[in-house]
PDB file of N, CA and C in Angstrom:
ATOM      1  N   MET A   1     128.152  72.417-128.829  1.00  0.00           N
ATOM      2  CA  MET A   1     127.306  71.523-128.063  1.00  0.00           C
ATOM      3  C   MET A   1     127.918  71.228-126.697  1.00  0.00           C
ATOM      4  N   LEU A   2     129.199  70.954-126.650  1.00  0.00           N
ATOM      5  CA  LEU A   2     129.881  70.663-125.388  1.00  0.00           C
ATOM      6  C   LEU A   2     129.825  71.873-124.462  1.00  0.00           C
ATOM      7  N   ARG A   3     129.984  73.050-125.028  1.00  0.00           N
ATOM      8  CA  ARG A   3     129.946  74.277-124.229  1.00  0.00           C
ATOM      9  C   ARG A   3     128.572  74.464-123.587  1.00  0.00           C
ATOM     10  N   LYS A   4     127.503  74.220-124.343  1.00  0.00           N
ATOM     11  CA  LYS A   4     126.141  74.351-123.805  1.00  0.00           C
ATOM     12  C   LYS A   4     125.903  73.347-122.681  1.00  0.00           C
ATOM     13  N   THR A   5     126.407  72.131-122.868  1.00  0.00           N
ATOM     14  CA  THR A   5     126.249  71.097-121.851  1.00  0.00           C
ATOM     15  C   THR A   5     126.994  71.483-120.578  1.00  0.00           C
ATOM     16  N   LEU A   6     128.204  72.002-120.733  1.00  0.00           N
ATOM     17  CA  LEU A   6     128.995  72.424-119.580  1.00  0.00           C
ATOM     18  C   LEU A   6     128.312  73.574-118.837  1.00  0.00           C
ATOM     19  N   ILE A   7     127.808  74.552-119.560  1.00  0.00           N
ATOM     20  CA  ILE A   7     127.115  75.688-118.947  1.00  0.00           C
ATOM     21  C   ILE A   7     125.866  75.206-118.211  1.00  0.00           C
ATOM     22  N   ALA A   8     125.115  74.316-118.825  1.00  0.00           N
ATOM     23  CA  ALA A   8     123.903  73.781-118.191  1.00  0.00           C
ATOM     24  C   ALA A   8     124.247  73.011-116.921  1.00  0.00           C
ATOM     25  N   SER A   9     125.341  72.254-116.942  1.00  0.00           N
ATOM     26  CA  SER A   9     125.758  71.498-115.760  1.00  0.00           C
ATOM     27  C   SER A   9     126.150  72.419-114.618  1.00  0.00           C
ATOM     28  N   VAL A  10     126.921  73.448-114.922  1.00  0.00           N
ATOM     29  CA  VAL A  10     127.351  74.407-113.896  1.00  0.00           C
ATOM     30  C   VAL A  10     126.142  75.131-113.316  1.00  0.00           C
ATOM     31  N   LEU A  11     125.230  75.562-114.175  1.00  0.00           N
ATOM     32  CA  LEU A  11     124.025  76.247-113.714  1.00  0.00           C
ATOM     33  C   LEU A  11     123.170  75.321-112.852  1.00  0.00           C
ATOM     34  N   GLY A  12     123.017  74.080-113.257  1.00  0.00           N
ATOM     35  CA  GLY A  12     122.238  73.109-112.483  1.00  0.00           C
ATOM     36  C   GLY A  12     122.833  72.873-111.106  1.00  0.00           C
ATOM     37  N   CYS A  13     124.155  72.746-111.027  1.00  0.00           N
ATOM     38  CA  CYS A  13     124.817  72.558-109.730  1.00  0.00           C
ATOM     39  C   CYS A  13     124.631  73.787-108.848  1.00  0.00           C
ATOM     40  N   ALA A  14     124.755  74.965-109.430  1.00  0.00           N
ATOM     41  CA  ALA A  14     124.592  76.200-108.662  1.00  0.00           C
ATOM     42  C   ALA A  14     123.175  76.306-108.110  1.00  0.00           C
ATOM     43  N   LEU A  15     122.179  75.974-108.920  1.00  0.00           N
ATOM     44  CA  LEU A  15     120.790  76.047-108.463  1.00  0.00           C
ATOM     45  C   LEU A  15     120.506  75.028-107.373  1.00  0.00           C
ATOM     46  N   SER A  16     121.037  73.818-107.507  1.00  0.00           N
ATOM     47  CA  SER A  16     120.784  72.810-106.479  1.00  0.00           C
ATOM     48  C   SER A  16     121.487  73.190-105.177  1.00  0.00           C
ATOM     49  N   PHE A  17     122.660  73.817-105.260  1.00  0.00           N
ATOM     50  CA  PHE A  17     123.358  74.272-104.056  1.00  0.00           C
ATOM     51  C   PHE A  17     122.554  75.358-103.357  1.00  0.00           C
ATOM     52  N   CYS A  18     121.988  76.287-104.121  1.00  0.00           N
ATOM     53  CA  CYS A  18     121.168  77.351-103.533  1.00  0.00           C
ATOM     54  C   CYS A  18     119.937  76.769-102.861  1.00  0.00           C
ATOM     55  N   ALA A  19     119.324  75.782-103.469  1.00  0.00           N
ATOM     56  CA  ALA A  19     118.124  75.173-102.882  1.00  0.00           C
ATOM     57  C   ALA A  19     118.476  74.461-101.585  1.00  0.00           C
ATOM     58  N   MET A  20     119.648  73.840-101.517  1.00  0.00           N
ATOM     59  CA  MET A  20     120.053  73.153-100.310  1.00  0.00           C
ATOM     60  C   MET A  20     120.368  74.144 -99.199  1.00  0.00           C
ATOM     61  N   ALA A  21     120.862  75.329 -99.536  1.00  0.00           N
ATOM     62  CA  ALA A  21     121.259  76.312 -98.544  1.00  0.00           C
ATOM     63  C   ALA A  21     120.060  77.014 -97.923  1.00  0.00           C
ATOM     64  N   GLU A  22     118.898  76.955 -98.560  1.00  0.00           N
ATOM     65  CA  GLU A  22     117.707  77.627 -98.061  1.00  0.00           C
ATOM     66  C   GLU A  22     117.150  76.888 -96.854  1.00  0.00           C
ATOM     67  N   GLU A  23     116.874  77.624 -95.782  1.00  0.00           N
ATOM     68  CA  GLU A  23     116.279  77.050 -94.586  1.00  0.00           C
ATOM     69  C   GLU A  23     114.921  77.672 -94.359  1.00  0.00           C
ATOM     70  N   VAL A  24     113.962  76.853 -94.029  1.00  0.00           N
ATOM     71  CA  VAL A  24     112.627  77.337 -93.729  1.00  0.00           C
ATOM     72  C   VAL A  24     112.424  77.253 -92.224  1.00  0.00           C
ATOM     73  N   TYR A  25     112.074  78.371 -91.613  1.00  0.00           N
ATOM     74  CA  TYR A  25     111.818  78.406 -90.180  1.00  0.00           C
ATOM     75  C   TYR A  25     110.327  78.241 -89.933  1.00  0.00           C
ATOM     76  N   VAL A  26     109.990  77.362 -89.005  1.00  0.00           N
ATOM     77  CA  VAL A  26     108.607  77.112 -88.618  1.00  0.00           C
ATOM     78  C   VAL A  26     108.489  77.501 -87.148  1.00  0.00           C
ATOM     79  N   ARG A  27     107.524  78.332 -86.825  1.00  0.00           N
ATOM     80  CA  ARG A  27     107.383  78.804 -85.446  1.00  0.00           C
ATOM     81  C   ARG A  27     106.779  77.764 -84.506  1.00  0.00           C
ATOM     82  N   VAL A  28     106.020  76.833 -85.044  1.00  0.00           N
ATOM     83  CA  VAL A  28     105.375  75.798 -84.236  1.00  0.00           C
ATOM     84  C   VAL A  28     106.250  74.555 -84.235  1.00  0.00           C
ATOM     85  N   GLY A  29     106.553  74.039 -83.056  1.00  0.00           N
ATOM     86  CA  GLY A  29     107.380  72.842 -82.963  1.00  0.00           C
ATOM     87  C   GLY A  29     106.691  71.628 -83.551  1.00  0.00           C
ATOM     88  N   PRO A  30     107.466  70.648 -84.022  1.00  0.00           N
ATOM     89  CA  PRO A  30     106.884  69.457 -84.635  1.00  0.00           C
ATOM     90  C   PRO A  30     106.204  68.565 -83.600  1.00  0.00           C
ATOM     91  N   PRO A  31     105.194  67.788 -84.032  1.00  0.00           N
ATOM     92  CA  PRO A  31     104.575  66.824 -83.127  1.00  0.00           C
ATOM     93  C   PRO A  31     105.552  65.690 -82.802  1.00  0.00           C
ATOM     94  N   ARG A  32     105.180  64.891 -81.839  1.00  0.00           N
ATOM     95  CA  ARG A  32     106.019  63.730 -81.516  1.00  0.00           C
ATOM     96  C   ARG A  32     106.059  62.778 -82.718  1.00  0.00           C
ATOM     97  N   PRO A  33     107.194  62.094 -82.907  1.00  0.00           N
ATOM     98  CA  PRO A  33     107.268  61.135 -84.018  1.00  0.00           C
ATOM     99  C   PRO A  33     106.226  60.038 -83.865  1.00  0.00           C
ATOM    100  N   ILE A  34     105.765  59.525 -84.971  1.00  0.00           N
ATOM    101  CA  ILE A  34     104.817  58.422 -84.974  1.00  0.00           C
ATOM    102  C   ILE A  34     105.620  57.127 -84.959  1.00  0.00           C
ATOM    103  N   HIS A  35     105.251  56.224 -84.074  1.00  0.00           N
ATOM    104  CA  HIS A  35     105.949  54.932 -84.026  1.00  0.00           C
ATOM    105  C   HIS A  35     105.386  54.048 -85.125  1.00  0.00           C
ATOM    106  N   GLU A  36     106.237  53.751 -86.083  1.00  0.00           N
ATOM    107  CA  GLU A  36     105.821  52.961 -87.238  1.00  0.00           C
ATOM    108  C   GLU A  36     106.146  51.486 -87.044  1.00  0.00           C
ATOM    109  N   ARG A  37     105.332  50.676 -87.632  1.00  0.00           N
ATOM    110  CA  ARG A  37     105.619  49.251 -87.661  1.00  0.00           C
ATOM    111  C   ARG A  37     106.394  48.976 -88.945  1.00  0.00           C
ATOM    112  N   ARG A  38     107.597  48.466 -88.782  1.00  0.00           N
ATOM    113  CA  ARG A  38     108.417  48.159 -89.955  1.00  0.00           C
ATOM    114  C   ARG A  38     107.905  46.909 -90.643  1.00  0.00           C
ATOM    115  N   LEU A  39     107.808  47.000 -91.930  1.00  0.00           N
ATOM    116  CA  LEU A  39     107.478  45.811 -92.716  1.00  0.00           C
ATOM    117  C   LEU A  39     108.743  44.982 -92.856  1.00  0.00           C
ATOM    118  N   VAL A  40     108.606  43.791 -93.337  1.00  0.00           N
ATOM    119  CA  VAL A  40     109.758  42.914 -93.538  1.00  0.00           C
ATOM    120  C   VAL A  40     110.675  43.527 -94.589  1.00  0.00           C
ATOM    121  N   SER A  41     111.966  43.467 -94.334  1.00  0.00           N
ATOM    122  CA  SER A  41     112.951  43.992 -95.285  1.00  0.00           C
ATOM    123  C   SER A  41     112.793  43.310 -96.646  1.00  0.00           C
ATOM    124  N   PRO A  42     112.909  44.088 -97.725  1.00  0.00           N
ATOM    125  CA  PRO A  42     112.768  43.474 -99.055  1.00  0.00           C
ATOM    126  C   PRO A  42     113.959  42.621 -99.463  1.00  0.00           C
ATOM    127  N   GLY A  43     115.036  42.658 -98.679  1.00  0.00           N
ATOM    128  CA  GLY A  43     116.198  41.843 -99.023  1.00  0.00           C
ATOM    129  C   GLY A  43     117.410  42.211 -98.201  1.00  0.00           C
ATOM    130  N   ALA A  44     118.463  41.451 -98.382  1.00  0.00           N
ATOM    131  CA  ALA A  44     119.714  41.706 -97.670  1.00  0.00           C
ATOM    132  C   ALA A  44     120.306  43.044 -98.103  1.00  0.00           C
ATOM    133  N   GLY A  45     120.882  43.765 -97.165  1.00  0.00           N
ATOM    134  CA  GLY A  45     121.553  45.016 -97.481  1.00  0.00           C
ATOM    135  C   GLY A  45     120.673  46.250 -97.400  1.00  0.00           C
ATOM    136  N   TYR A  46     119.375  46.090 -97.150  1.00  0.00           N
ATOM    137  CA  TYR A  46     118.482  47.237 -97.035  1.00  0.00           C
ATOM    138  C   TYR A  46     118.547  47.818 -95.626  1.00  0.00           C
ATOM    139  N   VAL A  47     118.361  49.121 -95.525  1.00  0.00           N
ATOM    140  CA  VAL A  47     118.387  49.830 -94.242  1.00  0.00           C
ATOM    141  C   VAL A  47     117.062  50.567 -94.079  1.00  0.00           C
ATOM    142  N   TRP A  48     116.488  50.496 -92.885  1.00  0.00           N
ATOM    143  CA  TRP A  48     115.242  51.200 -92.603  1.00  0.00           C
ATOM    144  C   TRP A  48     115.536  52.679 -92.365  1.00  0.00           C
ATOM    145  N   THR A  49     114.875  53.553 -93.109  1.00  0.00           N
ATOM    146  CA  THR A  49     114.990  54.996 -92.901  1.00  0.00           C
ATOM    147  C   THR A  49     113.663  55.452 -92.297  1.00  0.00           C
ATOM    148  N   PRO A  50     113.675  55.858 -91.019  1.00  0.00           N
ATOM    149  CA  PRO A  50     112.425  56.158 -90.321  1.00  0.00           C
ATOM    150  C   PRO A  50     111.692  57.365 -90.885  1.00  0.00           C
ATOM    151  N   GLY A  51     110.388  57.386 -90.631  1.00  0.00           N
ATOM    152  CA  GLY A  51     109.555  58.491 -91.080  1.00  0.00           C
ATOM    153  C   GLY A  51     109.807  59.755 -90.261  1.00  0.00           C
ATOM    154  N   TYR A  52     109.216  60.846 -90.700  1.00  0.00           N
ATOM    155  CA  TYR A  52     109.404  62.139 -90.050  1.00  0.00           C
ATOM    156  C   TYR A  52     108.246  63.061 -90.404  1.00  0.00           C
ATOM    157  N   HIS A  53     108.086  64.098 -89.618  1.00  0.00           N
ATOM    158  CA  HIS A  53     107.092  65.115 -89.935  1.00  0.00           C
ATOM    159  C   HIS A  53     107.743  66.157 -90.836  1.00  0.00           C
ATOM    160  N   ARG A  54     107.115  66.436 -91.971  1.00  0.00           N
ATOM    161  CA  ARG A  54     107.604  67.495 -92.862  1.00  0.00           C
ATOM    162  C   ARG A  54     106.618  68.651 -92.805  1.00  0.00           C
ATOM    163  N   TRP A  55     107.090  69.835 -93.114  1.00  0.00           N
ATOM    164  CA  TRP A  55     106.244  71.027 -93.106  1.00  0.00           C
ATOM    165  C   TRP A  55     105.635  71.205 -94.487  1.00  0.00           C
ATOM    166  N   ASP A  56     104.316  71.357 -94.548  1.00  0.00           N
ATOM    167  CA  ASP A  56     103.605  71.485 -95.813  1.00  0.00           C
ATOM    168  C   ASP A  56     102.900  72.846 -95.868  1.00  0.00           C
ATOM    169  N   SER A  57     103.652  73.901 -95.918  1.00  0.00           N
ATOM    170  CA  SER A  57     103.186  75.291 -96.016  1.00  0.00           C
ATOM    171  C   SER A  57     102.463  75.817 -94.777  1.00  0.00           C
ATOM    172  N   ASN A  58     101.557  75.033 -94.202  1.00  0.00           N
ATOM    173  CA  ASN A  58     100.840  75.546 -93.035  1.00  0.00           C
ATOM    174  C   ASN A  58     100.564  74.482 -91.979  1.00  0.00           C
ATOM    175  N   ARG A  59     101.110  73.283 -92.148  1.00  0.00           N
ATOM    176  CA  ARG A  59     100.910  72.228 -91.158  1.00  0.00           C
ATOM    177  C   ARG A  59     101.962  71.135 -91.341  1.00  0.00           C
ATOM    178  N   TYR A  60     102.105  70.309 -90.308  1.00  0.00           N
ATOM    179  CA  TYR A  60     103.000  69.168 -90.395  1.00  0.00           C
ATOM    180  C   TYR A  60     102.275  67.982 -91.027  1.00  0.00           C
ATOM    181  N   VAL A  61     102.996  67.239 -91.865  1.00  0.00           N
ATOM    182  CA  VAL A  61     102.464  66.053 -92.527  1.00  0.00           C
ATOM    183  C   VAL A  61     103.476  64.931 -92.324  1.00  0.00           C
ATOM    184  N   TRP A  62     102.995  63.747 -91.992  1.00  0.00           N
ATOM    185  CA  TRP A  62     103.888  62.606 -91.759  1.00  0.00           C
ATOM    186  C   TRP A  62     104.368  62.017 -93.082  1.00  0.00           C
ATOM    187  N   ALA A  63     105.688  61.874 -93.210  1.00  0.00           N
ATOM    188  CA  ALA A  63     106.306  61.185 -94.348  1.00  0.00           C
ATOM    189  C   ALA A  63     106.744  59.815 -93.823  1.00  0.00           C
ATOM    190  N   PRO A  64     106.140  58.731 -94.276  1.00  0.00           N
ATOM    191  CA  PRO A  64     106.429  57.414 -93.707  1.00  0.00           C
ATOM    192  C   PRO A  64     107.843  56.924 -94.006  1.00  0.00           C
ATOM    193  N   GLY A  65     108.332  56.061 -93.112  1.00  0.00           N
ATOM    194  CA  GLY A  65     109.641  55.457 -93.300  1.00  0.00           C
ATOM    195  C   GLY A  65     109.622  54.459 -94.448  1.00  0.00           C
ATOM    196  N   GLN A  66     110.816  54.055 -94.851  1.00  0.00           N
ATOM    197  CA  GLN A  66     110.914  53.108 -95.967  1.00  0.00           C
ATOM    198  C   GLN A  66     112.246  52.374 -95.922  1.00  0.00           C
ATOM    199  N   TRP A  67     112.307  51.270 -96.607  1.00  0.00           N
ATOM    200  CA  TRP A  67     113.556  50.517 -96.750  1.00  0.00           C
ATOM    201  C   TRP A  67     114.321  51.081 -97.941  1.00  0.00           C
ATOM    202  N   GLN A  68     115.621  51.296 -97.760  1.00  0.00           N
ATOM    203  CA  GLN A  68     116.470  51.795 -98.851  1.00  0.00           C
ATOM    204  C   GLN A  68     117.788  51.034 -98.867  1.00  0.00           C
ATOM    205  N   ARG A  69     118.373  50.984-100.031  1.00  0.00           N
ATOM    206  CA  ARG A  69     119.725  50.406-100.145  1.00  0.00           C
ATOM    207  C   ARG A  69     120.730  51.553-100.023  1.00  0.00           C
ATOM    208  N   PRO A  70     121.744  51.388 -99.202  1.00  0.00           N
ATOM    209  CA  PRO A  70     122.769  52.430 -99.094  1.00  0.00           C
ATOM    210  C   PRO A  70     123.460  52.663-100.431  1.00  0.00           C
ATOM    211  N   PRO A  71     123.884  53.896-100.697  1.00  0.00           N
ATOM    212  CA  PRO A  71     124.549  54.189-101.965  1.00  0.00           C
ATOM    213  C   PRO A  71     125.951  53.590-102.065  1.00  0.00           C
ATOM    214  N   ARG A  72     126.491  53.150-100.933  1.00  0.00           N
ATOM    215  CA  ARG A  72     127.828  52.544-100.907  1.00  0.00           C
ATOM    216  C   ARG A  72     127.881  51.529 -99.758  1.00  0.00           C
ATOM    217  N   PRO A  73     128.812  50.592 -99.807  1.00  0.00           N
ATOM    218  CA  PRO A  73     128.914  49.603 -98.730  1.00  0.00           C
ATOM    219  C   PRO A  73     129.114  50.283 -97.372  1.00  0.00           C
ATOM    220  N   ARG A  74     128.504  49.743 -96.371  1.00  0.00           N
ATOM    221  CA  ARG A  74     128.573  50.236 -94.986  1.00  0.00           C
ATOM    222  C   ARG A  74     128.050  51.659 -94.823  1.00  0.00           C
ATOM    223  N   GLY A  75     127.200  52.113 -95.742  1.00  0.00           N
ATOM    224  CA  GLY A  75     126.596  53.436 -95.608  1.00  0.00           C
ATOM    225  C   GLY A  75     125.695  53.463 -94.379  1.00  0.00           C
ATOM    226  N   ARG A  76     125.702  54.572 -93.662  1.00  0.00           N
ATOM    227  CA  ARG A  76     124.903  54.713 -92.448  1.00  0.00           C
ATOM    228  C   ARG A  76     123.917  55.854 -92.635  1.00  0.00           C
ATOM    229  N   TRP A  77     122.633  55.617 -92.326  1.00  0.00           N
ATOM    230  CA  TRP A  77     121.597  56.620 -92.474  1.00  0.00           C
ATOM    231  C   TRP A  77     121.554  57.525 -91.243  1.00  0.00           C
ATOM    232  N   VAL A  78     121.584  58.831 -91.475  1.00  0.00           N
ATOM    233  CA  VAL A  78     121.397  59.817 -90.416  1.00  0.00           C
ATOM    234  C   VAL A  78     119.980  60.332 -90.593  1.00  0.00           C
ATOM    235  N   ALA A  79     119.118  60.074 -89.594  1.00  0.00           N
ATOM    236  CA  ALA A  79     117.693  60.379 -89.710  1.00  0.00           C
ATOM    237  C   ALA A  79     117.417  61.874 -89.806  1.00  0.00           C
ATOM    238  N   ALA A  80     116.339  62.199 -90.510  1.00  0.00           N
ATOM    239  CA  ALA A  80     115.862  63.581 -90.599  1.00  0.00           C
ATOM    240  C   ALA A  80     115.447  64.037 -89.199  1.00  0.00           C
ATOM    241  N   ARG A  81     115.556  65.334 -88.932  1.00  0.00           N
ATOM    242  CA  ARG A  81     115.187  65.842 -87.611  1.00  0.00           C
ATOM    243  C   ARG A  81     114.846  67.319 -87.695  1.00  0.00           C
ATOM    244  N   TRP A  82     114.168  67.802 -86.686  1.00  0.00           N
ATOM    245  CA  TRP A  82     113.870  69.225 -86.532  1.00  0.00           C
ATOM    246  C   TRP A  82     114.789  69.771 -85.460  1.00  0.00           C
ATOM    247  N   GLN A  83     115.398  70.908 -85.742  1.00  0.00           N
ATOM    248  CA  GLN A  83     116.332  71.528 -84.794  1.00  0.00           C
ATOM    249  C   GLN A  83     115.783  72.889 -84.385  1.00  0.00           C
ATOM    250  N   HIS A  84     115.728  73.118 -83.076  1.00  0.00           N
ATOM    251  CA  HIS A  84     115.241  74.406 -82.581  1.00  0.00           C
ATOM    252  C   HIS A  84     116.370  75.425 -82.638  1.00  0.00           C
ATOM    253  N   ARG A  85     116.075  76.571 -83.231  1.00  0.00           N
ATOM    254  CA  ARG A  85     117.031  77.671 -83.347  1.00  0.00           C
ATOM    255  C   ARG A  85     116.319  78.966 -83.001  1.00  0.00           C
ATOM    256  N   PRO A  86     117.075  80.034 -82.772  1.00  0.00           N
ATOM    257  CA  PRO A  86     116.403  81.318 -82.560  1.00  0.00           C
ATOM    258  C   PRO A  86     115.536  81.641 -83.786  1.00  0.00           C
ATOM    259  N   GLY A  87     114.293  81.936 -83.573  1.00  0.00           N
ATOM    260  CA  GLY A  87     113.395  82.244 -84.688  1.00  0.00           C
ATOM    261  C   GLY A  87     112.477  81.107 -85.068  1.00  0.00           C
ATOM    262  N   GLY A  88     112.702  79.894 -84.528  1.00  0.00           N
ATOM    263  CA  GLY A  88     111.809  78.793 -84.845  1.00  0.00           C
ATOM    264  C   GLY A  88     112.510  77.462 -84.989  1.00  0.00           C
ATOM    265  N   TRP A  89     111.855  76.574 -85.705  1.00  0.00           N
ATOM    266  CA  TRP A  89     112.348  75.221 -85.942  1.00  0.00           C
ATOM    267  C   TRP A  89     112.808  75.093 -87.390  1.00  0.00           C
ATOM    268  N   VAL A  90     113.939  74.418 -87.598  1.00  0.00           N
ATOM    269  CA  VAL A  90     114.518  74.220 -88.931  1.00  0.00           C
ATOM    270  C   VAL A  90     114.622  72.718 -89.190  1.00  0.00           C
ATOM    271  N   PHE A  91     114.225  72.303 -90.390  1.00  0.00           N
ATOM    272  CA  PHE A  91     114.282  70.900 -90.765  1.00  0.00           C
ATOM    273  C   PHE A  91     115.656  70.554 -91.303  1.00  0.00           C
ATOM    274  N   ILE A  92     116.243  69.488 -90.760  1.00  0.00           N
ATOM    275  CA  ILE A  92     117.518  68.942 -91.247  1.00  0.00           C
ATOM    276  C   ILE A  92     117.185  67.631 -91.936  1.00  0.00           C
ATOM    277  N   ASP A  93     117.383  67.579 -93.241  1.00  0.00           N
ATOM    278  CA  ASP A  93     117.010  66.398 -94.025  1.00  0.00           C
ATOM    279  C   ASP A  93     117.882  65.195 -93.682  1.00  0.00           C
ATOM    280  N   GLY A  94     117.306  64.003 -93.785  1.00  0.00           N
ATOM    281  CA  GLY A  94     118.075  62.787 -93.580  1.00  0.00           C
ATOM    282  C   GLY A  94     119.072  62.601 -94.717  1.00  0.00           C
ATOM    283  N   HIS A  95     120.176  61.909 -94.420  1.00  0.00           N
ATOM    284  CA  HIS A  95     121.203  61.713 -95.452  1.00  0.00           C
ATOM    285  C   HIS A  95     122.065  60.490 -95.110  1.00  0.00           C
ATOM    286  N   TRP A  96     122.775  60.024 -96.123  1.00  0.00           N
ATOM    287  CA  TRP A  96     123.698  58.903 -95.949  1.00  0.00           C
ATOM    288  C   TRP A  96     125.064  59.416 -95.533  1.00  0.00           C
ATOM    289  N   ARG A  97     125.689  58.683 -94.647  1.00  0.00           N
ATOM    290  CA  ARG A  97     127.036  59.032 -94.210  1.00  0.00           C
ATOM    291  C   ARG A  97     127.965  57.894 -94.552  1.00  0.00           C
TER     292      ARG A  97
END
């Protein structure tokens, strides 16, 4: 049983690493960001993570911002962004630092 669990864990980590390494190139640049009105924070310690345009197979779709609690004290949110590279635009997902 322990061996099966270990194998499943290693396989799961390998698959998630491969999914993270995949980059999707979009030939059309993203639209300008939408200026969102922030709602009142749900409580102390929450951080606003702004919305962004995501690619949905054939068009951009707005993903709205939201309040989140950092995973650790003094965590800083690095916003999602589109980066222009040779061949098109690549999405860089937002993450905690």
